[in-house]
Amino acid sequence: MSSQHLVESHGRMLRAWHLAILRFAVSLDNVDQLNVIAIANQIDRLGRHHEDRLNFSFFRKTSSEILTAILQPGEAAEAILRQYFAQVDDVRLKRALVGIFGIEHGEHVAVKKRKKGGDLWKGLPSRDVVQH
């Protein structure tokens, strides 16, 4: 495999990891959480010699911290999410994270607590009120 192809492959894996984190932040679904961990495991295994694979766990550890920060908002969680946000290079992904994490000017992270099965239609007029 050429070095250019290897770099592109690693880049795609990183993007998939970021998107999986974004998806989990939106859905808070266990399946999406497991997907983040699975991708992190794959990235940690990439390009390492067999003896180094067992010791390299950067993405698994980072994923665990980010997922916990999303699920349990607080000051420590805010710092973790702010640090993660600062490391993201993709402009479109940053914009999406701003919306999900409530990041203001790249400084403050306010994770919105989402309820599963929340009322999607809350605040909208009922069909009886809408006039055609």
C-alpha atoms as a PDB file:
ATOM      1  CA  MET A   1       0.000   0.000   0.000  1.00  0.00           C
ATOM      2  CA  SER A   2       1.464   3.380  -0.989  1.00  0.00           C
ATOM      3  CA  SER A   3       2.046   6.042   1.637  1.00  0.00           C
ATOM      4  CA  GLN A   4      -0.472   8.358  -0.087  1.00  0.00           C
ATOM      5  CA  HIS A   5      -3.144   5.665   0.045  1.00  0.00           C
ATOM      6  CA  LEU A   6      -2.293   4.972   3.699  1.00  0.00           C
ATOM      7  CA  VAL A   7      -2.643   8.663   4.607  1.00  0.00           C
ATOM      8  CA  GLU A   8      -6.003   8.863   2.803  1.00  0.00           C
ATOM      9  CA  SER A   9      -7.209   5.712   4.549  1.00  0.00           C
ATOM     10  CA  HIS A  10      -6.233   7.073   7.957  1.00  0.00           C
ATOM     11  CA  GLY A  11      -7.909  10.375   7.112  1.00  0.00           C
ATOM     12  CA  ARG A  12     -11.150   8.582   6.253  1.00  0.00           C
ATOM     13  CA  MET A  13     -11.021   6.660   9.524  1.00  0.00           C
ATOM     14  CA  LEU A  14     -10.529   9.872  11.508  1.00  0.00           C
ATOM     15  CA  ARG A  15     -13.442  11.504   9.702  1.00  0.00           C
ATOM     16  CA  ALA A  16     -15.621   8.454  10.402  1.00  0.00           C
ATOM     17  CA  TRP A  17     -14.657   8.696  14.091  1.00  0.00           C
ATOM     18  CA  HIS A  18     -15.571  12.398  14.253  1.00  0.00           C
ATOM     19  CA  LEU A  19     -18.876  11.772  12.482  1.00  0.00           C
ATOM     20  CA  ALA A  20     -19.655   8.861  14.807  1.00  0.00           C
ATOM     21  CA  ILE A  21     -19.090  11.136  17.803  1.00  0.00           C
ATOM     22  CA  LEU A  22     -21.351  13.751  16.238  1.00  0.00           C
ATOM     23  CA  ARG A  23     -24.025  11.140  15.549  1.00  0.00           C
ATOM     24  CA  PHE A  24     -23.881   9.924  19.149  1.00  0.00           C
ATOM     25  CA  ALA A  25     -24.113  13.489  20.468  1.00  0.00           C
ATOM     26  CA  VAL A  26     -27.318  13.912  18.468  1.00  0.00           C
ATOM     27  CA  SER A  27     -28.941  10.534  19.132  1.00  0.00           C
ATOM     28  CA  LEU A  28     -27.522   9.474  22.517  1.00  0.00           C
ATOM     29  CA  ASP A  29     -28.233   5.971  21.235  1.00  0.00           C
ATOM     30  CA  ASN A  30     -26.278   3.008  22.591  1.00  0.00           C
ATOM     31  CA  VAL A  31     -25.682   1.669  19.066  1.00  0.00           C
ATOM     32  CA  ASP A  32     -24.029   4.963  18.083  1.00  0.00           C
ATOM     33  CA  GLN A  33     -21.932   4.865  21.254  1.00  0.00           C
ATOM     34  CA  LEU A  34     -20.721   1.362  20.391  1.00  0.00           C
ATOM     35  CA  ASN A  35     -19.924   2.538  16.856  1.00  0.00           C
ATOM     36  CA  VAL A  36     -17.643   5.283  18.231  1.00  0.00           C
ATOM     37  CA  ILE A  37     -15.775   2.714  20.332  1.00  0.00           C
ATOM     38  CA  ALA A  38     -15.496   0.267  17.406  1.00  0.00           C
ATOM     39  CA  ILE A  39     -14.008   2.938  15.133  1.00  0.00           C
ATOM     40  CA  ALA A  40     -11.640   4.032  17.910  1.00  0.00           C
ATOM     41  CA  ASN A  41     -10.437   0.429  18.244  1.00  0.00           C
ATOM     42  CA  GLN A  42      -9.798   0.256  14.504  1.00  0.00           C
ATOM     43  CA  ILE A  43      -7.832   3.497  14.499  1.00  0.00           C
ATOM     44  CA  ASP A  44      -5.737   2.385  17.472  1.00  0.00           C
ATOM     45  CA  ARG A  45      -4.821  -0.790  15.542  1.00  0.00           C
ATOM     46  CA  LEU A  46      -3.822   1.014  12.324  1.00  0.00           C
ATOM     47  CA  GLY A  47      -0.176   0.971  11.362  1.00  0.00           C
ATOM     48  CA  ARG A  48       1.156  -0.402  14.623  1.00  0.00           C
ATOM     49  CA  HIS A  49       3.478  -3.336  15.114  1.00  0.00           C
ATOM     50  CA  HIS A  50       1.918  -6.268  16.922  1.00  0.00           C
ATOM     51  CA  GLU A  51       3.648  -5.607  20.265  1.00  0.00           C
ATOM     52  CA  ASP A  52       2.697  -1.908  20.192  1.00  0.00           C
ATOM     53  CA  ARG A  53      -0.998  -2.509  19.434  1.00  0.00           C
ATOM     54  CA  LEU A  54      -1.832  -3.665  22.920  1.00  0.00           C
ATOM     55  CA  ASN A  55      -0.356  -0.542  24.501  1.00  0.00           C
ATOM     56  CA  PHE A  56      -1.739   2.048  22.094  1.00  0.00           C
ATOM     57  CA  SER A  57      -5.210   3.131  23.199  1.00  0.00           C
ATOM     58  CA  PHE A  58      -5.337   6.872  22.543  1.00  0.00           C
ATOM     59  CA  PHE A  59      -8.563   6.847  20.535  1.00  0.00           C
ATOM     60  CA  ARG A  60     -10.333   4.387  22.850  1.00  0.00           C
ATOM     61  CA  LYS A  61      -9.420   6.486  25.895  1.00  0.00           C
ATOM     62  CA  THR A  62     -10.302   9.768  24.177  1.00  0.00           C
ATOM     63  CA  SER A  63     -13.599   8.348  22.911  1.00  0.00           C
ATOM     64  CA  SER A  64     -14.524   7.157  26.371  1.00  0.00           C
ATOM     65  CA  GLU A  65     -13.824  10.615  27.822  1.00  0.00           C
ATOM     66  CA  ILE A  66     -15.820  12.386  25.093  1.00  0.00           C
ATOM     67  CA  LEU A  67     -18.794  10.012  25.341  1.00  0.00           C
ATOM     68  CA  THR A  68     -18.880  10.384  29.119  1.00  0.00           C
ATOM     69  CA  ALA A  69     -18.671  14.169  28.780  1.00  0.00           C
ATOM     70  CA  ILE A  70     -21.644  14.133  26.413  1.00  0.00           C
ATOM     71  CA  LEU A  71     -23.705  11.961  28.762  1.00  0.00           C
ATOM     72  CA  GLN A  72     -22.716  13.682  32.019  1.00  0.00           C
ATOM     73  CA  PRO A  73     -22.482  17.447  31.521  1.00  0.00           C
ATOM     74  CA  GLY A  74     -20.541  19.509  34.018  1.00  0.00           C
ATOM     75  CA  GLU A  75     -17.398  21.588  34.335  1.00  0.00           C
ATOM     76  CA  ALA A  76     -15.040  18.666  33.713  1.00  0.00           C
ATOM     77  CA  ALA A  77     -17.158  17.547  30.751  1.00  0.00           C
ATOM     78  CA  GLU A  78     -17.092  21.074  29.374  1.00  0.00           C
ATOM     79  CA  ALA A  79     -13.286  21.120  29.453  1.00  0.00           C
ATOM     80  CA  ILE A  80     -13.076  17.756  27.677  1.00  0.00           C
ATOM     81  CA  LEU A  81     -15.504  18.832  24.952  1.00  0.00           C
ATOM     82  CA  ARG A  82     -13.737  22.175  24.521  1.00  0.00           C
ATOM     83  CA  GLN A  83     -10.414  20.364  24.098  1.00  0.00           C
ATOM     84  CA  TYR A  84     -11.940  17.956  21.559  1.00  0.00           C
ATOM     85  CA  PHE A  85     -13.539  20.844  19.657  1.00  0.00           C
ATOM     86  CA  ALA A  86     -10.173  22.650  19.469  1.00  0.00           C
ATOM     87  CA  GLN A  87      -8.587  19.616  17.791  1.00  0.00           C
ATOM     88  CA  VAL A  88     -11.197  19.337  15.015  1.00  0.00           C
ATOM     89  CA  ASP A  89      -9.873  20.759  11.733  1.00  0.00           C
ATOM     90  CA  ASP A  90     -12.924  20.317   9.490  1.00  0.00           C
ATOM     91  CA  VAL A  91     -14.921  23.575   9.269  1.00  0.00           C
ATOM     92  CA  ARG A  92     -18.255  21.860   8.548  1.00  0.00           C
ATOM     93  CA  LEU A  93     -17.796  19.453  11.431  1.00  0.00           C
ATOM     94  CA  LYS A  94     -16.938  22.363  13.725  1.00  0.00           C
ATOM     95  CA  ARG A  95     -20.159  24.120  12.706  1.00  0.00           C
ATOM     96  CA  ALA A  96     -22.163  21.002  13.509  1.00  0.00           C
ATOM     97  CA  LEU A  97     -20.428  20.657  16.868  1.00  0.00           C
ATOM     98  CA  VAL A  98     -21.210  24.293  17.661  1.00  0.00           C
ATOM     99  CA  GLY A  99     -24.875  23.464  17.193  1.00  0.00           C
ATOM    100  CA  ILE A 100     -24.788  20.241  19.187  1.00  0.00           C
ATOM    101  CA  PHE A 101     -22.534  21.315  22.053  1.00  0.00           C
ATOM    102  CA  GLY A 102     -23.752  24.914  22.160  1.00  0.00           C
ATOM    103  CA  ILE A 103     -20.227  26.259  21.761  1.00  0.00           C
ATOM    104  CA  GLU A 104     -20.124  30.038  21.744  1.00  0.00           C
ATOM    105  CA  HIS A 105     -17.161  31.633  19.977  1.00  0.00           C
ATOM    106  CA  GLY A 106     -15.138  28.461  20.516  1.00  0.00           C
ATOM    107  CA  GLU A 107     -14.798  29.267  24.216  1.00  0.00           C
ATOM    108  CA  HIS A 108     -17.778  27.946  26.132  1.00  0.00           C
ATOM    109  CA  VAL A 109     -19.347  24.522  25.801  1.00  0.00           C
ATOM    110  CA  ALA A 110     -22.831  24.022  27.162  1.00  0.00           C
ATOM    111  CA  VAL A 111     -24.022  20.501  26.519  1.00  0.00           C
ATOM    112  CA  LYS A 112     -27.763  20.438  26.196  1.00  0.00           C
ATOM    113  CA  LYS A 113     -29.362  17.589  28.089  1.00  0.00           C
ATOM    114  CA  ARG A 114     -31.639  15.745  25.677  1.00  0.00           C
ATOM    115  CA  LYS A 115     -34.507  13.561  26.702  1.00  0.00           C
ATOM    116  CA  LYS A 116     -35.037  10.360  24.805  1.00  0.00           C
ATOM    117  CA  GLY A 117     -38.451  10.338  23.229  1.00  0.00           C
ATOM    118  CA  GLY A 118     -38.891  14.071  23.768  1.00  0.00           C
ATOM    119  CA  ASP A 119     -41.953  15.781  22.366  1.00  0.00           C
ATOM    120  CA  LEU A 120     -40.947  16.583  18.791  1.00  0.00           C
ATOM    121  CA  TRP A 121     -44.093  18.603  18.134  1.00  0.00           C
ATOM    122  CA  LYS A 122     -44.047  20.638  21.364  1.00  0.00           C
ATOM    123  CA  GLY A 123     -44.691  24.316  20.725  1.00  0.00           C
ATOM    124  CA  LEU A 124     -46.188  23.835  17.270  1.00  0.00           C
ATOM    125  CA  PRO A 125     -49.843  24.638  16.627  1.00  0.00           C
ATOM    126  CA  SER A 126     -52.171  21.673  16.295  1.00  0.00           C
ATOM    127  CA  ARG A 127     -53.708  20.830  12.927  1.00  0.00           C
ATOM    128  CA  ASP A 128     -57.021  22.226  14.133  1.00  0.00           C
ATOM    129  CA  VAL A 129     -55.494  25.721  14.404  1.00  0.00           C
ATOM    130  CA  VAL A 130     -53.708  25.750  11.050  1.00  0.00           C
ATOM    131  CA  GLN A 131     -55.781  27.569   8.435  1.00  0.00           C
ATOM    132  CA  HIS A 132     -55.516  26.750   4.736  1.00  0.00           C
END
